[in-house]
Amino acid sequence: MRIGDLATSVFDREMRGAGIALDFGLAKVRVRAEVPGFSEAFRFLYAHFPCEPPQGFFEITASLRRSRGLRRHVRPQVEFVVDGERPFEPFPSDTHVPLFEWGVNFCVARRCNHRLLLHAGAVARDGEAVLLPALPGTGKSTLTAALAARGFRLLSDEFGALRLSDGAVLPAPRPIALKNESIELMRRFSKDVALGPTFPKTRKGSVAHLAPAAESVARRHEPARPVLLVFPQFVRGAALAVEPVRRSRAFARLSTNAFNYELLGPAAFDAVGRLVQECNCYSLVYDDLDGAVDAIATLLARRGRRSHAGATSGH
């Protein structure tokens, strides 16, 4: 049974009791909450995930709870608690979903260090992965969401997770966080996207989350082979520009844009080196989402034609 198939009364009882458990590929999480409005939003965003037993091992065991003390009556707040500890200061109680999603990202970045975690969006088509490494504010999540809306399989909008043994990209298809202007932009881009509620007063402005598609969730344990590295940059009013990036430059950008590169040491060096050798590398400046999505699809198709031509000439 999927989370979205649970009766509301059953879902609320489990959320307040043993917790709701889910497996998003890269990690398993169990969450409890007694915060008004959170259960409804969570159930919508994670509707396609199978219900997991709340017993057993979880990389993340978290809860959302209302702050205690007299202040709760004047300015209600919510806390993210993981394994009994509170890693952040409380958030306003009406920003519960952003707090949960940021909290899970925080835990993944610190607990999944058996993988190299690049700060990158990641999508796949026909078993081939496109990585979109970028700093915050460059349009990475918006472009990842647009690609997912146009038939690409969502791997993640936050973590380009590489398996160290073979360099495969491992999925972590959780809701995509869209901020400020990107929310309405995505609504205009695709009328079929499943956008959750908008939270207007977060520390990053207005935030809404795009629920992952059923197929991406169903294939959350299916790795993809990285073939394309695209460094995106949204620039308002700019003409679409796609330029090759030297592998040495791509290596430098990736090694400084990972959550755990220094922690993994030589293993990370080898993983990034293999990645840039196996991928075609480009920078992409864009203003229009349609043009950016078409450009990436073209780059992927062009690589496929070259690979096919190379295999044919080898015979």
C-alpha atoms as a PDB file:
ATOM      1  CA  MET A   1       0.000   0.000   0.000  1.00  0.00           C
ATOM      2  CA  ARG A   2       1.166   3.537  -0.779  1.00  0.00           C
ATOM      3  CA  ILE A   3       1.232   6.402   1.689  1.00  0.00           C
ATOM      4  CA  GLY A   4      -1.401   8.228  -0.353  1.00  0.00           C
ATOM      5  CA  ASP A   5      -3.732   5.214  -0.089  1.00  0.00           C
ATOM      6  CA  LEU A   6      -3.889   5.272   3.701  1.00  0.00           C
ATOM      7  CA  ALA A   7      -7.124   6.545   5.209  1.00  0.00           C
ATOM      8  CA  THR A   8      -6.663   9.950   6.786  1.00  0.00           C
ATOM      9  CA  SER A   9      -7.510   8.664  10.258  1.00  0.00           C
ATOM     10  CA  VAL A  10      -4.997   5.807   9.954  1.00  0.00           C
ATOM     11  CA  PHE A  11      -2.288   8.087   8.585  1.00  0.00           C
ATOM     12  CA  ASP A  12      -2.744  10.652  11.373  1.00  0.00           C
ATOM     13  CA  ARG A  13      -2.708   7.941  14.038  1.00  0.00           C
ATOM     14  CA  GLU A  14       0.518   6.428  12.687  1.00  0.00           C
ATOM     15  CA  MET A  15       2.175   9.831  12.297  1.00  0.00           C
ATOM     16  CA  ARG A  16       1.486  10.607  15.950  1.00  0.00           C
ATOM     17  CA  GLY A  17       2.326   7.118  17.138  1.00  0.00           C
ATOM     18  CA  ALA A  18       5.006   4.756  15.819  1.00  0.00           C
ATOM     19  CA  GLY A  19       5.698   7.088  12.910  1.00  0.00           C
ATOM     20  CA  ILE A  20       5.470   6.984   9.127  1.00  0.00           C
ATOM     21  CA  ALA A  21       8.388   5.198   7.496  1.00  0.00           C
ATOM     22  CA  LEU A  22       9.576   5.516   3.920  1.00  0.00           C
ATOM     23  CA  ASP A  23      12.476   4.441   1.776  1.00  0.00           C
ATOM     24  CA  PHE A  24      13.659   7.033  -0.764  1.00  0.00           C
ATOM     25  CA  GLY A  25      16.480   4.948  -2.205  1.00  0.00           C
ATOM     26  CA  LEU A  26      19.559   6.625  -0.802  1.00  0.00           C
ATOM     27  CA  ALA A  27      18.276   6.324   2.761  1.00  0.00           C
ATOM     28  CA  LYS A  28      15.325   5.314   4.921  1.00  0.00           C
ATOM     29  CA  VAL A  29      13.550   7.760   7.192  1.00  0.00           C
ATOM     30  CA  ARG A  30      10.960   7.431   9.939  1.00  0.00           C
ATOM     31  CA  VAL A  31       9.078  10.560  10.990  1.00  0.00           C
ATOM     32  CA  ARG A  32       6.670  11.434  13.752  1.00  0.00           C
ATOM     33  CA  ALA A  33       4.821  14.729  13.989  1.00  0.00           C
ATOM     34  CA  GLU A  34       2.171  16.415  16.073  1.00  0.00           C
ATOM     35  CA  VAL A  35       2.211  19.727  14.201  1.00  0.00           C
ATOM     36  CA  PRO A  36      -1.045  21.050  12.698  1.00  0.00           C
ATOM     37  CA  GLY A  37      -1.039  20.901   8.908  1.00  0.00           C
ATOM     38  CA  PHE A  38       2.130  18.836   8.503  1.00  0.00           C
ATOM     39  CA  SER A  39       0.525  15.415   8.052  1.00  0.00           C
ATOM     40  CA  GLU A  40      -1.734  16.588   5.228  1.00  0.00           C
ATOM     41  CA  ALA A  41       1.120  18.197   3.298  1.00  0.00           C
ATOM     42  CA  PHE A  42       3.483  15.257   3.905  1.00  0.00           C
ATOM     43  CA  ARG A  43       0.870  12.766   2.724  1.00  0.00           C
ATOM     44  CA  PHE A  44       0.411  14.712  -0.529  1.00  0.00           C
ATOM     45  CA  LEU A  45       4.135  15.099  -1.260  1.00  0.00           C
ATOM     46  CA  TYR A  46       5.023  11.477  -0.465  1.00  0.00           C
ATOM     47  CA  ALA A  47       1.798   9.923  -1.786  1.00  0.00           C
ATOM     48  CA  HIS A  48       3.521   7.515  -4.218  1.00  0.00           C
ATOM     49  CA  PHE A  49       5.926   6.008  -1.679  1.00  0.00           C
ATOM     50  CA  PRO A  50       5.130   2.527  -0.342  1.00  0.00           C
ATOM     51  CA  CYS A  51       4.285   2.286   3.338  1.00  0.00           C
ATOM     52  CA  GLU A  52       7.267   0.774   5.142  1.00  0.00           C
ATOM     53  CA  PRO A  53       7.155  -0.984   8.534  1.00  0.00           C
ATOM     54  CA  PRO A  54       8.102   1.538  11.254  1.00  0.00           C
ATOM     55  CA  GLN A  55      10.386  -1.015  12.940  1.00  0.00           C
ATOM     56  CA  GLY A  56      13.980  -1.737  12.029  1.00  0.00           C
ATOM     57  CA  PHE A  57      16.986   0.356  11.014  1.00  0.00           C
ATOM     58  CA  PHE A  58      16.617   3.867   9.636  1.00  0.00           C
ATOM     59  CA  GLU A  59      19.379   6.253   8.651  1.00  0.00           C
ATOM     60  CA  ILE A  60      17.129   9.065   9.878  1.00  0.00           C
ATOM     61  CA  THR A  61      14.629   8.947  12.738  1.00  0.00           C
ATOM     62  CA  ALA A  62      13.125  12.392  13.063  1.00  0.00           C
ATOM     63  CA  SER A  63      10.203  14.144  14.656  1.00  0.00           C
ATOM     64  CA  LEU A  64       8.553  17.515  14.381  1.00  0.00           C
ATOM     65  CA  ARG A  65       7.217  18.899  17.620  1.00  0.00           C
ATOM     66  CA  ARG A  66       5.827  22.159  18.828  1.00  0.00           C
ATOM     67  CA  SER A  67       8.201  24.204  20.968  1.00  0.00           C
ATOM     68  CA  ARG A  68       7.481  24.147  24.650  1.00  0.00           C
ATOM     69  CA  GLY A  69       7.323  26.973  27.149  1.00  0.00           C
ATOM     70  CA  LEU A  70       5.332  30.181  27.407  1.00  0.00           C
ATOM     71  CA  ARG A  71       6.565  31.389  24.021  1.00  0.00           C
ATOM     72  CA  ARG A  72       4.438  28.794  22.224  1.00  0.00           C
ATOM     73  CA  HIS A  73       1.304  30.813  23.051  1.00  0.00           C
ATOM     74  CA  VAL A  74       2.684  34.088  21.654  1.00  0.00           C
ATOM     75  CA  ARG A  75       4.784  32.932  18.716  1.00  0.00           C
ATOM     76  CA  PRO A  76       4.203  29.218  17.984  1.00  0.00           C
ATOM     77  CA  GLN A  77       7.310  27.414  16.736  1.00  0.00           C
ATOM     78  CA  VAL A  78       8.224  23.939  15.544  1.00  0.00           C
ATOM     79  CA  GLU A  79      11.400  21.956  16.191  1.00  0.00           C
ATOM     80  CA  PHE A  80      13.152  19.324  14.081  1.00  0.00           C
ATOM     81  CA  VAL A  81      14.469  16.603  16.369  1.00  0.00           C
ATOM     82  CA  VAL A  82      16.652  13.776  15.094  1.00  0.00           C
ATOM     83  CA  ASP A  83      17.689  10.912  17.359  1.00  0.00           C
ATOM     84  CA  GLY A  84      16.743  13.011  20.356  1.00  0.00           C
ATOM     85  CA  GLU A  85      18.847  16.019  19.359  1.00  0.00           C
ATOM     86  CA  ARG A  86      17.796  19.377  17.899  1.00  0.00           C
ATOM     87  CA  PRO A  87      20.331  20.477  15.219  1.00  0.00           C
ATOM     88  CA  PHE A  88      18.549  23.769  14.372  1.00  0.00           C
ATOM     89  CA  GLU A  89      16.881  26.585  16.191  1.00  0.00           C
ATOM     90  CA  PRO A  90      13.055  26.367  16.068  1.00  0.00           C
ATOM     91  CA  PHE A  91      11.217  27.586  12.978  1.00  0.00           C
ATOM     92  CA  PRO A  92       7.841  29.355  12.890  1.00  0.00           C
ATOM     93  CA  SER A  93       5.147  26.694  13.207  1.00  0.00           C
ATOM     94  CA  ASP A  94       3.711  27.488   9.752  1.00  0.00           C
ATOM     95  CA  THR A  95       6.980  26.459   8.017  1.00  0.00           C
ATOM     96  CA  HIS A  96       6.899  22.808   9.089  1.00  0.00           C
ATOM     97  CA  VAL A  97       7.437  21.172   5.672  1.00  0.00           C
ATOM     98  CA  PRO A  98      10.475  23.311   4.702  1.00  0.00           C
ATOM     99  CA  LEU A  99      11.979  22.559   8.129  1.00  0.00           C
ATOM    100  CA  PHE A 100      11.454  18.830   7.659  1.00  0.00           C
ATOM    101  CA  GLU A 101      12.908  18.783   4.138  1.00  0.00           C
ATOM    102  CA  TRP A 102      15.940  20.872   5.101  1.00  0.00           C
ATOM    103  CA  GLY A 103      16.407  18.700   8.168  1.00  0.00           C
ATOM    104  CA  VAL A 104      16.428  15.511   6.111  1.00  0.00           C
ATOM    105  CA  ASN A 105      18.933  17.077   3.692  1.00  0.00           C
ATOM    106  CA  PHE A 106      21.122  17.980   6.670  1.00  0.00           C
ATOM    107  CA  CYS A 107      21.027  14.387   7.907  1.00  0.00           C
ATOM    108  CA  VAL A 108      21.723  12.858   4.489  1.00  0.00           C
ATOM    109  CA  ALA A 109      24.740  15.132   4.000  1.00  0.00           C
ATOM    110  CA  ARG A 110      26.194  13.952   7.300  1.00  0.00           C
ATOM    111  CA  ARG A 111      25.167  10.298   7.417  1.00  0.00           C
ATOM    112  CA  CYS A 112      25.475   8.932   3.887  1.00  0.00           C
ATOM    113  CA  ASN A 113      29.227   9.218   3.630  1.00  0.00           C
ATOM    114  CA  HIS A 114      29.646   5.818   2.044  1.00  0.00           C
ATOM    115  CA  ARG A 115      28.661   7.732  -1.139  1.00  0.00           C
ATOM    116  CA  LEU A 116      30.180  10.820  -2.724  1.00  0.00           C
ATOM    117  CA  LEU A 117      27.531  13.504  -2.372  1.00  0.00           C
ATOM    118  CA  LEU A 118      27.739  16.224  -4.999  1.00  0.00           C
ATOM    119  CA  HIS A 119      25.537  19.292  -4.609  1.00  0.00           C
ATOM    120  CA  ALA A 120      23.678  18.678  -7.856  1.00  0.00           C
ATOM    121  CA  GLY A 121      20.353  18.027  -9.432  1.00  0.00           C
ATOM    122  CA  ALA A 122      20.150  14.676 -11.160  1.00  0.00           C
ATOM    123  CA  VAL A 123      17.768  13.178 -13.715  1.00  0.00           C
ATOM    124  CA  ALA A 124      17.906  10.157 -15.997  1.00  0.00           C
ATOM    125  CA  ARG A 125      16.593   8.909 -19.301  1.00  0.00           C
ATOM    126  CA  ASP A 126      17.028   5.369 -20.625  1.00  0.00           C
ATOM    127  CA  GLY A 127      19.437   4.528 -17.826  1.00  0.00           C
ATOM    128  CA  GLU A 128      21.689   7.525 -18.509  1.00  0.00           C
ATOM    129  CA  ALA A 129      22.083  10.223 -15.880  1.00  0.00           C
ATOM    130  CA  VAL A 130      22.448  13.963 -16.329  1.00  0.00           C
ATOM    131  CA  LEU A 131      24.059  15.761 -13.388  1.00  0.00           C
ATOM    132  CA  LEU A 132      23.426  19.468 -12.805  1.00  0.00           C
ATOM    133  CA  PRO A 133      26.035  20.629 -10.278  1.00  0.00           C
ATOM    134  CA  ALA A 134      25.502  24.177  -9.055  1.00  0.00           C
ATOM    135  CA  LEU A 135      25.627  26.522  -6.107  1.00  0.00           C
ATOM    136  CA  PRO A 136      22.374  27.690  -4.462  1.00  0.00           C
ATOM    137  CA  GLY A 137      20.494  30.334  -6.421  1.00  0.00           C
ATOM    138  CA  THR A 138      21.620  29.252  -9.875  1.00  0.00           C
ATOM    139  CA  GLY A 139      18.328  27.686 -10.990  1.00  0.00           C
ATOM    140  CA  LYS A 140      19.422  24.088 -10.419  1.00  0.00           C
ATOM    141  CA  SER A 141      16.225  22.916  -8.719  1.00  0.00           C
ATOM    142  CA  THR A 142      13.968  24.731 -11.172  1.00  0.00           C
ATOM    143  CA  LEU A 143      15.723  23.155 -14.140  1.00  0.00           C
ATOM    144  CA  THR A 144      15.656  19.731 -12.462  1.00  0.00           C
ATOM    145  CA  ALA A 145      11.913  20.119 -11.920  1.00  0.00           C
ATOM    146  CA  ALA A 146      11.387  21.159 -15.545  1.00  0.00           C
ATOM    147  CA  LEU A 147      13.289  18.126 -16.824  1.00  0.00           C
ATOM    148  CA  ALA A 148      11.250  15.849 -14.540  1.00  0.00           C
ATOM    149  CA  ALA A 149       8.049  17.453 -15.865  1.00  0.00           C
ATOM    150  CA  ARG A 150       9.169  16.644 -19.432  1.00  0.00           C
ATOM    151  CA  GLY A 151       9.666  12.927 -18.984  1.00  0.00           C
ATOM    152  CA  PHE A 152      13.065  12.595 -17.331  1.00  0.00           C
ATOM    153  CA  ARG A 153      13.240  10.361 -14.272  1.00  0.00           C
ATOM    154  CA  LEU A 154      13.939  12.354 -11.137  1.00  0.00           C
ATOM    155  CA  LEU A 155      16.955  11.147  -9.199  1.00  0.00           C
ATOM    156  CA  SER A 156      17.328  14.152  -6.889  1.00  0.00           C
ATOM    157  CA  ASP A 157      17.278  17.940  -6.880  1.00  0.00           C
ATOM    158  CA  GLU A 158      19.886  18.143  -4.118  1.00  0.00           C
ATOM    159  CA  PHE A 159      22.255  15.166  -4.136  1.00  0.00           C
ATOM    160  CA  GLY A 160      24.222  13.765  -7.020  1.00  0.00           C
ATOM    161  CA  ALA A 161      25.052  10.617  -5.052  1.00  0.00           C
ATOM    162  CA  LEU A 162      27.837   8.540  -6.616  1.00  0.00           C
ATOM    163  CA  ARG A 163      28.472   4.932  -5.675  1.00  0.00           C
ATOM    164  CA  LEU A 164      32.204   4.732  -5.042  1.00  0.00           C
ATOM    165  CA  SER A 165      32.633   1.222  -6.421  1.00  0.00           C
ATOM    166  CA  ASP A 166      31.524   2.002  -9.970  1.00  0.00           C
ATOM    167  CA  GLY A 167      30.493   5.689 -10.169  1.00  0.00           C
ATOM    168  CA  ALA A 168      26.780   4.988 -10.699  1.00  0.00           C
ATOM    169  CA  VAL A 169      24.328   7.727  -9.703  1.00  0.00           C
ATOM    170  CA  LEU A 170      22.002   6.562  -6.938  1.00  0.00           C
ATOM    171  CA  PRO A 171      18.459   7.936  -6.763  1.00  0.00           C
ATOM    172  CA  ALA A 172      16.993   9.927  -3.880  1.00  0.00           C
ATOM    173  CA  PRO A 173      13.694  11.143  -5.389  1.00  0.00           C
ATOM    174  CA  ARG A 174      12.225  13.370  -2.703  1.00  0.00           C
ATOM    175  CA  PRO A 175      10.112  16.519  -3.234  1.00  0.00           C
ATOM    176  CA  ILE A 176      11.844  19.317  -5.158  1.00  0.00           C
ATOM    177  CA  ALA A 177      12.032  22.615  -3.278  1.00  0.00           C
ATOM    178  CA  LEU A 178      11.082  25.575  -5.473  1.00  0.00           C
ATOM    179  CA  LYS A 179      11.596  29.105  -4.229  1.00  0.00           C
ATOM    180  CA  ASN A 180       9.989  32.479  -4.879  1.00  0.00           C
ATOM    181  CA  GLU A 181       9.505  33.178  -8.625  1.00  0.00           C
ATOM    182  CA  SER A 182      10.255  29.550  -9.510  1.00  0.00           C
ATOM    183  CA  ILE A 183       6.940  28.433  -8.010  1.00  0.00           C
ATOM    184  CA  GLU A 184       4.752  30.318 -10.485  1.00  0.00           C
ATOM    185  CA  LEU A 185       7.256  29.686 -13.264  1.00  0.00           C
ATOM    186  CA  MET A 186       6.814  25.941 -12.797  1.00  0.00           C
ATOM    187  CA  ARG A 187       3.023  26.242 -12.688  1.00  0.00           C
ATOM    188  CA  ARG A 188       3.136  28.000 -16.054  1.00  0.00           C
ATOM    189  CA  PHE A 189       5.663  25.546 -17.444  1.00  0.00           C
ATOM    190  CA  SER A 190       3.508  22.489 -16.750  1.00  0.00           C
ATOM    191  CA  LYS A 191      -0.082  22.370 -15.580  1.00  0.00           C
ATOM    192  CA  ASP A 192       0.332  18.733 -14.540  1.00  0.00           C
ATOM    193  CA  VAL A 193       2.972  19.214 -11.828  1.00  0.00           C
ATOM    194  CA  ALA A 194       1.945  18.194  -8.313  1.00  0.00           C
ATOM    195  CA  LEU A 195       2.871  21.243  -6.264  1.00  0.00           C
ATOM    196  CA  GLY A 196       2.266  21.231  -2.546  1.00  0.00           C
ATOM    197  CA  PRO A 197       1.347  24.237  -0.396  1.00  0.00           C
ATOM    198  CA  THR A 198       3.389  27.437  -0.547  1.00  0.00           C
ATOM    199  CA  PHE A 199       5.137  28.549   2.636  1.00  0.00           C
ATOM    200  CA  PRO A 200       5.661  32.310   2.259  1.00  0.00           C
ATOM    201  CA  LYS A 201       7.752  33.229   5.302  1.00  0.00           C
ATOM    202  CA  THR A 202      10.736  30.907   5.369  1.00  0.00           C
ATOM    203  CA  ARG A 203      14.352  31.973   5.715  1.00  0.00           C
ATOM    204  CA  LYS A 204      14.692  31.592   1.948  1.00  0.00           C
ATOM    205  CA  GLY A 205      11.470  33.406   1.058  1.00  0.00           C
ATOM    206  CA  SER A 206       8.458  31.561  -0.335  1.00  0.00           C
ATOM    207  CA  VAL A 207       8.958  27.811  -0.755  1.00  0.00           C
ATOM    208  CA  ALA A 208       6.765  25.143  -2.355  1.00  0.00           C
ATOM    209  CA  HIS A 209       7.596  21.508  -3.045  1.00  0.00           C
ATOM    210  CA  LEU A 210       7.029  19.467  -6.181  1.00  0.00           C
ATOM    211  CA  ALA A 211       6.054  15.865  -5.462  1.00  0.00           C
ATOM    212  CA  PRO A 212       8.106  13.211  -7.308  1.00  0.00           C
ATOM    213  CA  ALA A 213       6.260  11.275 -10.005  1.00  0.00           C
ATOM    214  CA  ALA A 214       5.115   7.719  -9.389  1.00  0.00           C
ATOM    215  CA  GLU A 215       7.640   6.257 -11.843  1.00  0.00           C
ATOM    216  CA  SER A 216      10.578   8.007 -10.195  1.00  0.00           C
ATOM    217  CA  VAL A 217       9.487   6.655  -6.819  1.00  0.00           C
ATOM    218  CA  ALA A 218       8.949   3.136  -8.167  1.00  0.00           C
ATOM    219  CA  ARG A 219      12.490   3.143  -9.626  1.00  0.00           C
ATOM    220  CA  ARG A 220      14.161   4.673  -6.554  1.00  0.00           C
ATOM    221  CA  HIS A 221      16.561   1.718  -6.247  1.00  0.00           C
ATOM    222  CA  GLU A 222      17.587   1.774  -9.911  1.00  0.00           C
ATOM    223  CA  PRO A 223      20.978   3.461 -10.467  1.00  0.00           C
ATOM    224  CA  ALA A 224      21.844   5.338 -13.642  1.00  0.00           C
ATOM    225  CA  ARG A 225      25.107   5.682 -15.522  1.00  0.00           C
ATOM    226  CA  PRO A 226      26.382   9.283 -15.622  1.00  0.00           C
ATOM    227  CA  VAL A 227      26.993  10.506 -19.160  1.00  0.00           C
ATOM    228  CA  LEU A 228      26.406  14.266 -19.039  1.00  0.00           C
ATOM    229  CA  LEU A 229      27.571  17.034 -16.702  1.00  0.00           C
ATOM    230  CA  VAL A 230      25.819  20.372 -17.172  1.00  0.00           C
ATOM    231  CA  PHE A 231      26.670  23.367 -14.982  1.00  0.00           C
ATOM    232  CA  PRO A 232      23.509  25.524 -15.106  1.00  0.00           C
ATOM    233  CA  GLN A 233      23.150  29.233 -14.493  1.00  0.00           C
ATOM    234  CA  PHE A 234      19.852  31.090 -14.703  1.00  0.00           C
ATOM    235  CA  VAL A 235      20.383  34.666 -15.925  1.00  0.00           C
ATOM    236  CA  ARG A 236      17.305  36.794 -16.444  1.00  0.00           C
ATOM    237  CA  GLY A 237      17.115  38.076 -20.015  1.00  0.00           C
ATOM    238  CA  ALA A 238      20.119  36.074 -21.208  1.00  0.00           C
ATOM    239  CA  ALA A 239      20.195  34.246 -24.518  1.00  0.00           C
ATOM    240  CA  LEU A 240      20.572  30.482 -24.310  1.00  0.00           C
ATOM    241  CA  ALA A 241      24.266  29.571 -24.312  1.00  0.00           C
ATOM    242  CA  VAL A 242      25.780  26.088 -24.219  1.00  0.00           C
ATOM    243  CA  GLU A 243      29.566  25.858 -24.025  1.00  0.00           C
ATOM    244  CA  PRO A 244      31.927  22.898 -23.524  1.00  0.00           C
ATOM    245  CA  VAL A 245      33.787  22.814 -20.215  1.00  0.00           C
ATOM    246  CA  ARG A 246      37.306  21.397 -20.020  1.00  0.00           C
ATOM    247  CA  ARG A 247      37.507  18.267 -17.899  1.00  0.00           C
ATOM    248  CA  SER A 248      40.156  19.845 -15.656  1.00  0.00           C
ATOM    249  CA  ARG A 249      37.825  22.753 -14.990  1.00  0.00           C
ATOM    250  CA  ALA A 250      34.882  20.419 -14.386  1.00  0.00           C
ATOM    251  CA  PHE A 251      36.969  18.470 -11.884  1.00  0.00           C
ATOM    252  CA  ALA A 252      37.828  21.634  -9.965  1.00  0.00           C
ATOM    253  CA  ARG A 253      34.214  22.785  -9.850  1.00  0.00           C
ATOM    254  CA  LEU A 254      32.926  19.405  -8.692  1.00  0.00           C
ATOM    255  CA  SER A 255      35.543  18.914  -5.999  1.00  0.00           C
ATOM    256  CA  THR A 256      34.597  22.233  -4.393  1.00  0.00           C
ATOM    257  CA  ASN A 257      30.858  21.615  -4.742  1.00  0.00           C
ATOM    258  CA  ALA A 258      30.503  18.365  -2.800  1.00  0.00           C
ATOM    259  CA  PHE A 259      29.252  17.786   0.730  1.00  0.00           C
ATOM    260  CA  ASN A 260      31.904  15.244   1.703  1.00  0.00           C
ATOM    261  CA  TYR A 261      34.800  15.453  -0.772  1.00  0.00           C
ATOM    262  CA  GLU A 262      37.427  16.190   1.872  1.00  0.00           C
ATOM    263  CA  LEU A 263      36.034  13.570   4.221  1.00  0.00           C
ATOM    264  CA  LEU A 264      36.320  10.794   1.622  1.00  0.00           C
ATOM    265  CA  GLY A 265      39.801  11.843   0.519  1.00  0.00           C
ATOM    266  CA  PRO A 266      41.392   9.669  -2.212  1.00  0.00           C
ATOM    267  CA  ALA A 267      38.125   7.819  -2.856  1.00  0.00           C
ATOM    268  CA  ALA A 268      36.438  11.127  -3.722  1.00  0.00           C
ATOM    269  CA  PHE A 269      39.378  12.170  -5.920  1.00  0.00           C
ATOM    270  CA  ASP A 270      39.090   8.930  -7.872  1.00  0.00           C
ATOM    271  CA  ALA A 271      35.301   9.181  -8.140  1.00  0.00           C
ATOM    272  CA  VAL A 272      35.347  12.738  -9.499  1.00  0.00           C
ATOM    273  CA  GLY A 273      38.175  11.869 -11.885  1.00  0.00           C
ATOM    274  CA  ARG A 274      36.218   8.922 -13.273  1.00  0.00           C
ATOM    275  CA  LEU A 275      33.067  11.030 -13.529  1.00  0.00           C
ATOM    276  CA  VAL A 276      34.612  13.785 -15.649  1.00  0.00           C
ATOM    277  CA  GLN A 277      36.267  11.204 -17.903  1.00  0.00           C
ATOM    278  CA  GLU A 278      33.001   9.372 -18.539  1.00  0.00           C
ATOM    279  CA  CYS A 279      30.845  12.461 -19.067  1.00  0.00           C
ATOM    280  CA  ASN A 280      30.599  15.193 -21.652  1.00  0.00           C
ATOM    281  CA  CYS A 281      30.833  18.476 -19.745  1.00  0.00           C
ATOM    282  CA  TYR A 282      29.050  21.746 -20.553  1.00  0.00           C
ATOM    283  CA  SER A 283      27.994  25.037 -19.051  1.00  0.00           C
ATOM    284  CA  LEU A 284      24.438  26.192 -19.689  1.00  0.00           C
ATOM    285  CA  VAL A 285      23.231  29.774 -19.332  1.00  0.00           C
ATOM    286  CA  TYR A 286      19.482  30.096 -19.684  1.00  0.00           C
ATOM    287  CA  ASP A 287      16.482  32.303 -19.134  1.00  0.00           C
ATOM    288  CA  ASP A 288      13.815  30.148 -20.787  1.00  0.00           C
ATOM    289  CA  LEU A 289      13.042  26.714 -19.321  1.00  0.00           C
ATOM    290  CA  ASP A 290      11.786  25.250 -22.591  1.00  0.00           C
ATOM    291  CA  GLY A 291      15.033  26.161 -24.324  1.00  0.00           C
ATOM    292  CA  ALA A 292      17.137  24.775 -21.471  1.00  0.00           C
ATOM    293  CA  VAL A 293      15.264  21.460 -21.406  1.00  0.00           C
ATOM    294  CA  ASP A 294      15.532  21.127 -25.197  1.00  0.00           C
ATOM    295  CA  ALA A 295      19.266  21.903 -25.044  1.00  0.00           C
ATOM    296  CA  ILE A 296      19.914  19.157 -22.498  1.00  0.00           C
ATOM    297  CA  ALA A 297      17.814  16.666 -24.452  1.00  0.00           C
ATOM    298  CA  THR A 298      19.822  17.540 -27.568  1.00  0.00           C
ATOM    299  CA  LEU A 299      23.154  17.081 -25.774  1.00  0.00           C
ATOM    300  CA  LEU A 300      22.013  13.700 -24.500  1.00  0.00           C
ATOM    301  CA  ALA A 301      20.804  12.595 -27.926  1.00  0.00           C
ATOM    302  CA  ARG A 302      24.006  13.813 -29.591  1.00  0.00           C
ATOM    303  CA  ARG A 303      26.083  11.770 -27.169  1.00  0.00           C
ATOM    304  CA  GLY A 304      23.919   8.736 -27.897  1.00  0.00           C
ATOM    305  CA  ARG A 305      24.489   9.087 -31.641  1.00  0.00           C
ATOM    306  CA  ARG A 306      28.244   9.385 -31.154  1.00  0.00           C
ATOM    307  CA  SER A 307      28.326   6.343 -28.881  1.00  0.00           C
ATOM    308  CA  HIS A 308      26.368   4.345 -31.429  1.00  0.00           C
ATOM    309  CA  ALA A 309      28.650   5.494 -34.232  1.00  0.00           C
ATOM    310  CA  GLY A 310      31.703   4.540 -32.183  1.00  0.00           C
ATOM    311  CA  ALA A 311      30.338   1.089 -31.453  1.00  0.00           C
ATOM    312  CA  THR A 312      29.501   0.567 -35.121  1.00  0.00           C
ATOM    313  CA  SER A 313      32.953   1.613 -36.327  1.00  0.00           C
ATOM    314  CA  GLY A 314      34.511  -0.717 -33.743  1.00  0.00           C
ATOM    315  CA  HIS A 315      32.946  -3.659 -35.526  1.00  0.00           C
END
